[in-house]
Amino acid sequence: MLYLLIGLVAGALYWLNNAWSFWKPFTALNPIYIHLLVVGWLTQLIYGVIYWMFPIISRTDMRGDPRQAWAALITLNLGLILRALAEPWRALEPNSVNQAGLIASAIFQVAAGYLIVLVCWPRVREKPGR
């Protein structure tokens, strides 16, 4: 919910600034407000639904190793927070530090996608009778 709220506020500030140009740093919010909404809100919502709603593995091991699920959640959020800091900074003042931050952010987010697949893949089954 926080990412939804922060993304909406950042988007509103960006678009209000486009209309009235009241503070130059708000121009750097363009790519990140979309990322906060899509990755921060929507992707995490999808991950949660997948983790909770996919068929259980067994009664004793319902959803697999929860450490992998936590690792997916943590790496996705680390990547998102790193990007939320590095991307606007890079838009205002490009340098090698914020470039490295964006690269690390992408690595964390791809790793999170890989981890959620590892968590949920054992629960994917063919429907009976097919």
N, C-alpha and C. Protein backbone atom coordinates (compact mmCIF):
# COMPACT_ATOMS: atom_id res chain seq x y z
N MET A 1 0.82 -1.20 0.00
CA MET A 1 0.00 0.00 0.00
C MET A 1 0.86 1.26 0.00
N LEU A 2 2.02 1.17 0.68
CA LEU A 2 2.90 2.34 0.72
C LEU A 2 3.40 2.72 -0.67
N TYR A 3 3.78 1.72 -1.45
CA TYR A 3 4.26 2.01 -2.80
C TYR A 3 3.15 2.62 -3.66
N LEU A 4 1.93 2.17 -3.48
CA LEU A 4 0.81 2.75 -4.21
C LEU A 4 0.67 4.22 -3.85
N LEU A 5 0.68 4.52 -2.58
CA LEU A 5 0.54 5.90 -2.12
C LEU A 5 1.72 6.76 -2.58
N ILE A 6 2.94 6.29 -2.38
CA ILE A 6 4.12 7.05 -2.77
C ILE A 6 4.15 7.25 -4.29
N GLY A 7 3.82 6.20 -5.05
CA GLY A 7 3.79 6.31 -6.50
C GLY A 7 2.76 7.32 -6.99
N LEU A 8 1.57 7.30 -6.38
CA LEU A 8 0.54 8.26 -6.77
C LEU A 8 0.94 9.70 -6.43
N VAL A 9 1.53 9.91 -5.27
CA VAL A 9 1.97 11.25 -4.88
C VAL A 9 3.11 11.71 -5.81
N ALA A 10 4.08 10.84 -6.07
CA ALA A 10 5.18 11.20 -6.96
C ALA A 10 4.68 11.51 -8.36
N GLY A 11 3.73 10.73 -8.86
CA GLY A 11 3.15 10.99 -10.17
C GLY A 11 2.40 12.31 -10.21
N ALA A 12 1.64 12.58 -9.16
CA ALA A 12 0.91 13.86 -9.09
C ALA A 12 1.88 15.03 -9.06
N LEU A 13 2.95 14.92 -8.28
CA LEU A 13 3.95 15.99 -8.23
C LEU A 13 4.61 16.18 -9.59
N TYR A 14 4.93 15.08 -10.25
CA TYR A 14 5.54 15.17 -11.57
C TYR A 14 4.61 15.89 -12.56
N TRP A 15 3.35 15.48 -12.62
CA TRP A 15 2.44 16.06 -13.60
C TRP A 15 2.03 17.49 -13.24
N LEU A 16 1.90 17.79 -11.96
CA LEU A 16 1.64 19.18 -11.55
C LEU A 16 2.82 20.07 -11.90
N ASN A 17 4.02 19.55 -11.71
CA ASN A 17 5.22 20.31 -12.07
C ASN A 17 5.31 20.52 -13.57
N ASN A 18 4.86 19.54 -14.35
CA ASN A 18 4.83 19.72 -15.81
C ASN A 18 3.92 20.87 -16.21
N ALA A 19 2.81 21.00 -15.50
CA ALA A 19 1.85 22.05 -15.83
C ALA A 19 2.32 23.42 -15.35
N TRP A 20 2.94 23.49 -14.16
CA TRP A 20 3.24 24.80 -13.57
C TRP A 20 4.72 25.05 -13.29
N SER A 21 5.58 24.10 -13.51
CA SER A 21 7.03 24.24 -13.32
C SER A 21 7.39 24.95 -12.02
N PHE A 22 7.02 24.35 -10.89
CA PHE A 22 7.30 25.01 -9.62
C PHE A 22 8.58 24.53 -8.94
N TRP A 23 9.12 23.34 -9.30
CA TRP A 23 10.38 22.90 -8.71
C TRP A 23 11.06 21.91 -9.64
N LYS A 24 12.23 22.28 -10.16
CA LYS A 24 12.91 21.50 -11.17
C LYS A 24 13.17 20.03 -10.79
N PRO A 25 13.55 19.70 -9.55
CA PRO A 25 13.80 18.28 -9.24
C PRO A 25 12.59 17.37 -9.45
N PHE A 26 11.36 17.90 -9.45
CA PHE A 26 10.20 17.04 -9.70
C PHE A 26 10.18 16.48 -11.12
N THR A 27 10.93 17.08 -12.04
CA THR A 27 11.00 16.53 -13.39
C THR A 27 11.67 15.15 -13.40
N ALA A 28 12.47 14.87 -12.37
CA ALA A 28 13.17 13.58 -12.28
C ALA A 28 12.27 12.46 -11.79
N LEU A 29 11.03 12.76 -11.45
CA LEU A 29 10.13 11.73 -10.93
C LEU A 29 9.43 10.92 -12.02
N ASN A 30 9.60 11.31 -13.28
CA ASN A 30 8.87 10.64 -14.36
C ASN A 30 9.04 9.13 -14.40
N PRO A 31 10.24 8.60 -14.57
CA PRO A 31 10.27 7.13 -14.67
C PRO A 31 10.00 6.42 -13.35
N ILE A 32 10.38 7.06 -12.24
CA ILE A 32 10.31 6.32 -10.98
C ILE A 32 8.89 6.20 -10.45
N TYR A 33 8.03 7.17 -10.69
CA TYR A 33 6.67 7.03 -10.16
C TYR A 33 5.96 5.86 -10.83
N ILE A 34 6.23 5.64 -12.09
CA ILE A 34 5.65 4.50 -12.81
C ILE A 34 6.21 3.20 -12.24
N HIS A 35 7.50 3.18 -11.97
CA HIS A 35 8.13 1.98 -11.42
C HIS A 35 7.60 1.67 -10.02
N LEU A 36 7.39 2.69 -9.22
CA LEU A 36 6.82 2.48 -7.88
C LEU A 36 5.42 1.87 -7.97
N LEU A 37 4.64 2.34 -8.93
CA LEU A 37 3.28 1.80 -9.09
C LEU A 37 3.30 0.38 -9.66
N VAL A 38 4.10 0.16 -10.69
CA VAL A 38 4.08 -1.14 -11.37
C VAL A 38 4.84 -2.21 -10.60
N VAL A 39 6.06 -1.92 -10.19
CA VAL A 39 6.84 -2.94 -9.47
C VAL A 39 6.49 -2.92 -7.98
N GLY A 40 6.43 -1.73 -7.41
CA GLY A 40 6.18 -1.64 -5.98
C GLY A 40 4.79 -2.09 -5.58
N TRP A 41 3.79 -1.70 -6.33
CA TRP A 41 2.42 -2.04 -5.97
C TRP A 41 1.94 -3.27 -6.72
N LEU A 42 1.90 -3.20 -8.04
CA LEU A 42 1.27 -4.25 -8.84
C LEU A 42 2.05 -5.57 -8.81
N THR A 43 3.35 -5.51 -9.01
CA THR A 43 4.14 -6.75 -9.03
C THR A 43 4.11 -7.44 -7.67
N GLN A 44 4.21 -6.68 -6.60
CA GLN A 44 4.16 -7.31 -5.28
C GLN A 44 2.77 -7.87 -4.99
N LEU A 45 1.75 -7.22 -5.50
CA LEU A 45 0.39 -7.76 -5.36
C LEU A 45 0.29 -9.09 -6.10
N ILE A 46 0.83 -9.14 -7.30
CA ILE A 46 0.81 -10.38 -8.09
C ILE A 46 1.63 -11.47 -7.39
N TYR A 47 2.81 -11.14 -6.91
CA TYR A 47 3.63 -12.12 -6.19
C TYR A 47 2.86 -12.69 -5.00
N GLY A 48 2.21 -11.83 -4.25
CA GLY A 48 1.46 -12.28 -3.08
C GLY A 48 0.31 -13.19 -3.46
N VAL A 49 -0.41 -12.85 -4.51
CA VAL A 49 -1.53 -13.68 -4.96
C VAL A 49 -1.00 -15.03 -5.45
N ILE A 50 0.08 -15.00 -6.22
CA ILE A 50 0.67 -16.26 -6.70
C ILE A 50 1.09 -17.13 -5.51
N TYR A 51 1.78 -16.53 -4.56
CA TYR A 51 2.27 -17.30 -3.41
C TYR A 51 1.11 -17.87 -2.59
N TRP A 52 0.07 -17.12 -2.43
CA TRP A 52 -1.04 -17.55 -1.59
C TRP A 52 -2.02 -18.47 -2.32
N MET A 53 -2.27 -18.22 -3.61
CA MET A 53 -3.37 -18.88 -4.30
C MET A 53 -2.97 -20.10 -5.15
N PHE A 54 -1.70 -20.24 -5.51
CA PHE A 54 -1.33 -21.43 -6.27
C PHE A 54 -1.64 -22.67 -5.44
N PRO A 55 -1.88 -23.80 -6.08
CA PRO A 55 -2.19 -25.03 -5.33
C PRO A 55 -1.09 -25.36 -4.34
N ILE A 56 -1.50 -25.95 -3.22
CA ILE A 56 -0.52 -26.32 -2.20
C ILE A 56 0.28 -27.54 -2.67
N ILE A 57 1.48 -27.69 -2.13
CA ILE A 57 2.33 -28.82 -2.49
C ILE A 57 1.81 -30.07 -1.79
N SER A 58 1.65 -29.98 -0.48
CA SER A 58 1.10 -31.08 0.32
C SER A 58 0.59 -30.49 1.63
N ARG A 59 -0.10 -31.28 2.40
CA ARG A 59 -0.62 -30.78 3.69
C ARG A 59 0.51 -30.43 4.67
N THR A 60 1.63 -31.14 4.56
CA THR A 60 2.74 -30.89 5.48
C THR A 60 3.67 -29.77 4.97
N ASP A 61 3.70 -29.57 3.66
CA ASP A 61 4.56 -28.54 3.06
C ASP A 61 3.70 -27.73 2.09
N MET A 62 2.89 -26.85 2.64
CA MET A 62 1.86 -26.19 1.85
C MET A 62 2.41 -25.30 0.73
N ARG A 63 3.37 -24.45 1.05
CA ARG A 63 3.84 -23.47 0.06
C ARG A 63 5.33 -23.55 -0.20
N GLY A 64 5.99 -24.57 0.26
CA GLY A 64 7.43 -24.69 0.06
C GLY A 64 8.20 -23.93 1.12
N ASP A 65 9.45 -23.65 0.83
CA ASP A 65 10.35 -23.01 1.78
C ASP A 65 10.03 -21.52 1.89
N PRO A 66 9.54 -21.06 3.04
CA PRO A 66 9.19 -19.65 3.18
C PRO A 66 10.41 -18.73 3.11
N ARG A 67 11.61 -19.27 3.35
CA ARG A 67 12.81 -18.43 3.25
C ARG A 67 13.02 -17.93 1.83
N GLN A 68 12.69 -18.77 0.85
CA GLN A 68 12.81 -18.33 -0.55
C GLN A 68 11.80 -17.24 -0.85
N ALA A 69 10.60 -17.36 -0.32
CA ALA A 69 9.58 -16.33 -0.53
C ALA A 69 10.01 -15.02 0.11
N TRP A 70 10.54 -15.09 1.32
CA TRP A 70 11.04 -13.88 1.98
C TRP A 70 12.21 -13.28 1.21
N ALA A 71 13.09 -14.13 0.69
CA ALA A 71 14.22 -13.64 -0.10
C ALA A 71 13.73 -12.92 -1.35
N ALA A 72 12.69 -13.46 -1.99
CA ALA A 72 12.12 -12.79 -3.17
C ALA A 72 11.56 -11.42 -2.79
N LEU A 73 10.84 -11.37 -1.70
CA LEU A 73 10.25 -10.10 -1.23
C LEU A 73 11.34 -9.09 -0.88
N ILE A 74 12.36 -9.53 -0.17
CA ILE A 74 13.43 -8.62 0.26
C ILE A 74 14.24 -8.12 -0.93
N THR A 75 14.61 -9.02 -1.85
CA THR A 75 15.42 -8.58 -2.99
C THR A 75 14.62 -7.66 -3.91
N LEU A 76 13.33 -7.93 -4.09
CA LEU A 76 12.51 -7.04 -4.91
C LEU A 76 12.46 -5.64 -4.29
N ASN A 77 12.26 -5.58 -2.98
CA ASN A 77 12.20 -4.28 -2.31
C ASN A 77 13.54 -3.58 -2.26
N LEU A 78 14.63 -4.32 -2.07
CA LEU A 78 15.95 -3.69 -2.14
C LEU A 78 16.19 -3.07 -3.51
N GLY A 79 15.86 -3.83 -4.55
CA GLY A 79 16.03 -3.30 -5.90
C GLY A 79 15.16 -2.09 -6.16
N LEU A 80 13.94 -2.14 -5.68
CA LEU A 80 13.01 -1.02 -5.90
C LEU A 80 13.46 0.23 -5.15
N ILE A 81 13.86 0.08 -3.90
CA ILE A 81 14.31 1.23 -3.12
C ILE A 81 15.60 1.81 -3.71
N LEU A 82 16.51 0.94 -4.12
CA LEU A 82 17.74 1.40 -4.75
C LEU A 82 17.44 2.17 -6.03
N ARG A 83 16.50 1.67 -6.81
CA ARG A 83 16.13 2.38 -8.03
C ARG A 83 15.44 3.71 -7.73
N ALA A 84 14.59 3.72 -6.70
CA ALA A 84 13.89 4.95 -6.33
C ALA A 84 14.87 6.04 -5.89
N LEU A 85 16.01 5.65 -5.38
CA LEU A 85 17.04 6.63 -5.00
C LEU A 85 17.94 6.99 -6.18
N ALA A 86 18.39 5.99 -6.93
CA ALA A 86 19.39 6.21 -7.98
C ALA A 86 18.83 6.85 -9.24
N GLU A 87 17.61 6.50 -9.62
CA GLU A 87 17.09 6.99 -10.91
C GLU A 87 16.83 8.49 -10.93
N PRO A 88 16.13 9.05 -9.94
CA PRO A 88 15.97 10.51 -9.96
C PRO A 88 17.30 11.25 -9.81
N TRP A 89 18.19 10.69 -8.99
CA TRP A 89 19.51 11.28 -8.81
C TRP A 89 20.25 11.29 -10.15
N ARG A 90 20.17 10.19 -10.89
CA ARG A 90 20.85 10.11 -12.19
C ARG A 90 20.25 11.09 -13.19
N ALA A 91 18.94 11.29 -13.12
CA ALA A 91 18.30 12.24 -14.04
C ALA A 91 18.79 13.67 -13.79
N LEU A 92 19.09 13.98 -12.54
CA LEU A 92 19.53 15.34 -12.20
C LEU A 92 21.05 15.51 -12.29
N GLU A 93 21.79 14.46 -11.99
CA GLU A 93 23.25 14.54 -11.95
C GLU A 93 23.87 13.18 -12.27
N PRO A 94 23.99 12.84 -13.56
CA PRO A 94 24.54 11.52 -13.93
C PRO A 94 25.98 11.34 -13.47
N ASN A 95 26.25 10.20 -12.85
CA ASN A 95 27.62 9.85 -12.46
C ASN A 95 27.72 8.33 -12.33
N SER A 96 28.92 7.86 -12.07
CA SER A 96 29.13 6.40 -12.03
C SER A 96 28.50 5.75 -10.81
N VAL A 97 28.32 6.49 -9.72
CA VAL A 97 27.73 5.90 -8.52
C VAL A 97 26.24 5.60 -8.74
N ASN A 98 25.49 6.58 -9.29
CA ASN A 98 24.07 6.29 -9.51
C ASN A 98 23.87 5.32 -10.67
N GLN A 99 24.81 5.27 -11.60
CA GLN A 99 24.73 4.25 -12.65
C GLN A 99 24.90 2.86 -12.05
N ALA A 100 25.86 2.71 -11.15
CA ALA A 100 26.06 1.43 -10.47
C ALA A 100 24.83 1.07 -9.64
N GLY A 101 24.20 2.07 -9.03
CA GLY A 101 22.97 1.83 -8.27
C GLY A 101 21.86 1.29 -9.14
N LEU A 102 21.73 1.83 -10.35
CA LEU A 102 20.70 1.33 -11.27
C LEU A 102 21.00 -0.09 -11.74
N ILE A 103 22.26 -0.38 -11.97
CA ILE A 103 22.63 -1.73 -12.38
C ILE A 103 22.36 -2.72 -11.25
N ALA A 104 22.76 -2.37 -10.02
CA ALA A 104 22.49 -3.24 -8.87
C ALA A 104 20.99 -3.41 -8.65
N SER A 105 20.24 -2.34 -8.85
CA SER A 105 18.79 -2.40 -8.72
C SER A 105 18.19 -3.42 -9.69
N ALA A 106 18.64 -3.37 -10.93
CA ALA A 106 18.14 -4.31 -11.94
C ALA A 106 18.49 -5.75 -11.57
N ILE A 107 19.70 -5.96 -11.06
CA ILE A 107 20.12 -7.31 -10.66
C ILE A 107 19.24 -7.82 -9.53
N PHE A 108 18.98 -6.98 -8.53
CA PHE A 108 18.11 -7.38 -7.42
C PHE A 108 16.70 -7.73 -7.92
N GLN A 109 16.17 -6.93 -8.82
CA GLN A 109 14.81 -7.17 -9.28
C GLN A 109 14.70 -8.42 -10.13
N VAL A 110 15.69 -8.68 -10.96
CA VAL A 110 15.69 -9.92 -11.75
C VAL A 110 15.85 -11.12 -10.82
N ALA A 111 16.71 -11.00 -9.82
CA ALA A 111 16.88 -12.08 -8.84
C ALA A 111 15.57 -12.36 -8.11
N ALA A 112 14.82 -11.33 -7.79
CA ALA A 112 13.52 -11.51 -7.12
C ALA A 112 12.56 -12.28 -8.01
N GLY A 113 12.54 -11.95 -9.29
CA GLY A 113 11.69 -12.69 -10.22
C GLY A 113 12.08 -14.16 -10.30
N TYR A 114 13.37 -14.41 -10.35
CA TYR A 114 13.86 -15.78 -10.37
C TYR A 114 13.46 -16.52 -9.09
N LEU A 115 13.60 -15.87 -7.95
CA LEU A 115 13.25 -16.50 -6.67
C LEU A 115 11.76 -16.83 -6.58
N ILE A 116 10.90 -15.94 -7.05
CA ILE A 116 9.46 -16.22 -6.96
C ILE A 116 9.10 -17.39 -7.87
N VAL A 117 9.79 -17.52 -9.00
CA VAL A 117 9.57 -18.70 -9.85
C VAL A 117 10.02 -19.96 -9.13
N LEU A 118 11.17 -19.91 -8.45
CA LEU A 118 11.64 -21.07 -7.68
C LEU A 118 10.65 -21.46 -6.59
N VAL A 119 10.06 -20.47 -5.96
CA VAL A 119 9.11 -20.72 -4.88
C VAL A 119 7.84 -21.38 -5.42
N CYS A 120 7.34 -20.89 -6.53
CA CYS A 120 6.01 -21.30 -6.99
C CYS A 120 6.03 -22.41 -8.04
N TRP A 121 7.15 -22.64 -8.70
CA TRP A 121 7.16 -23.64 -9.77
C TRP A 121 6.75 -25.04 -9.30
N PRO A 122 7.16 -25.50 -8.13
CA PRO A 122 6.74 -26.83 -7.69
C PRO A 122 5.22 -26.94 -7.51
N ARG A 123 4.53 -25.83 -7.45
CA ARG A 123 3.09 -25.84 -7.25
C ARG A 123 2.30 -25.79 -8.55
N VAL A 124 2.99 -25.66 -9.68
CA VAL A 124 2.32 -25.62 -10.98
C VAL A 124 2.08 -27.06 -11.42
N ARG A 125 0.82 -27.37 -11.69
CA ARG A 125 0.46 -28.73 -12.10
C ARG A 125 -0.51 -28.67 -13.27
N GLU A 126 -0.50 -29.73 -14.05
CA GLU A 126 -1.48 -29.88 -15.12
C GLU A 126 -2.82 -30.25 -14.51
N LYS A 127 -3.88 -29.74 -15.10
CA LYS A 127 -5.22 -30.10 -14.60
C LYS A 127 -5.48 -31.59 -14.85
N PRO A 128 -6.11 -32.26 -13.89
CA PRO A 128 -6.43 -33.69 -14.09
C PRO A 128 -7.36 -33.86 -15.30
N GLY A 129 -7.14 -34.93 -16.03
CA GLY A 129 -8.00 -35.24 -17.17
C GLY A 129 -7.53 -34.62 -18.46
N ARG A 130 -6.36 -34.02 -18.47
CA ARG A 130 -5.84 -33.43 -19.73
C ARG A 130 -4.65 -34.17 -20.22
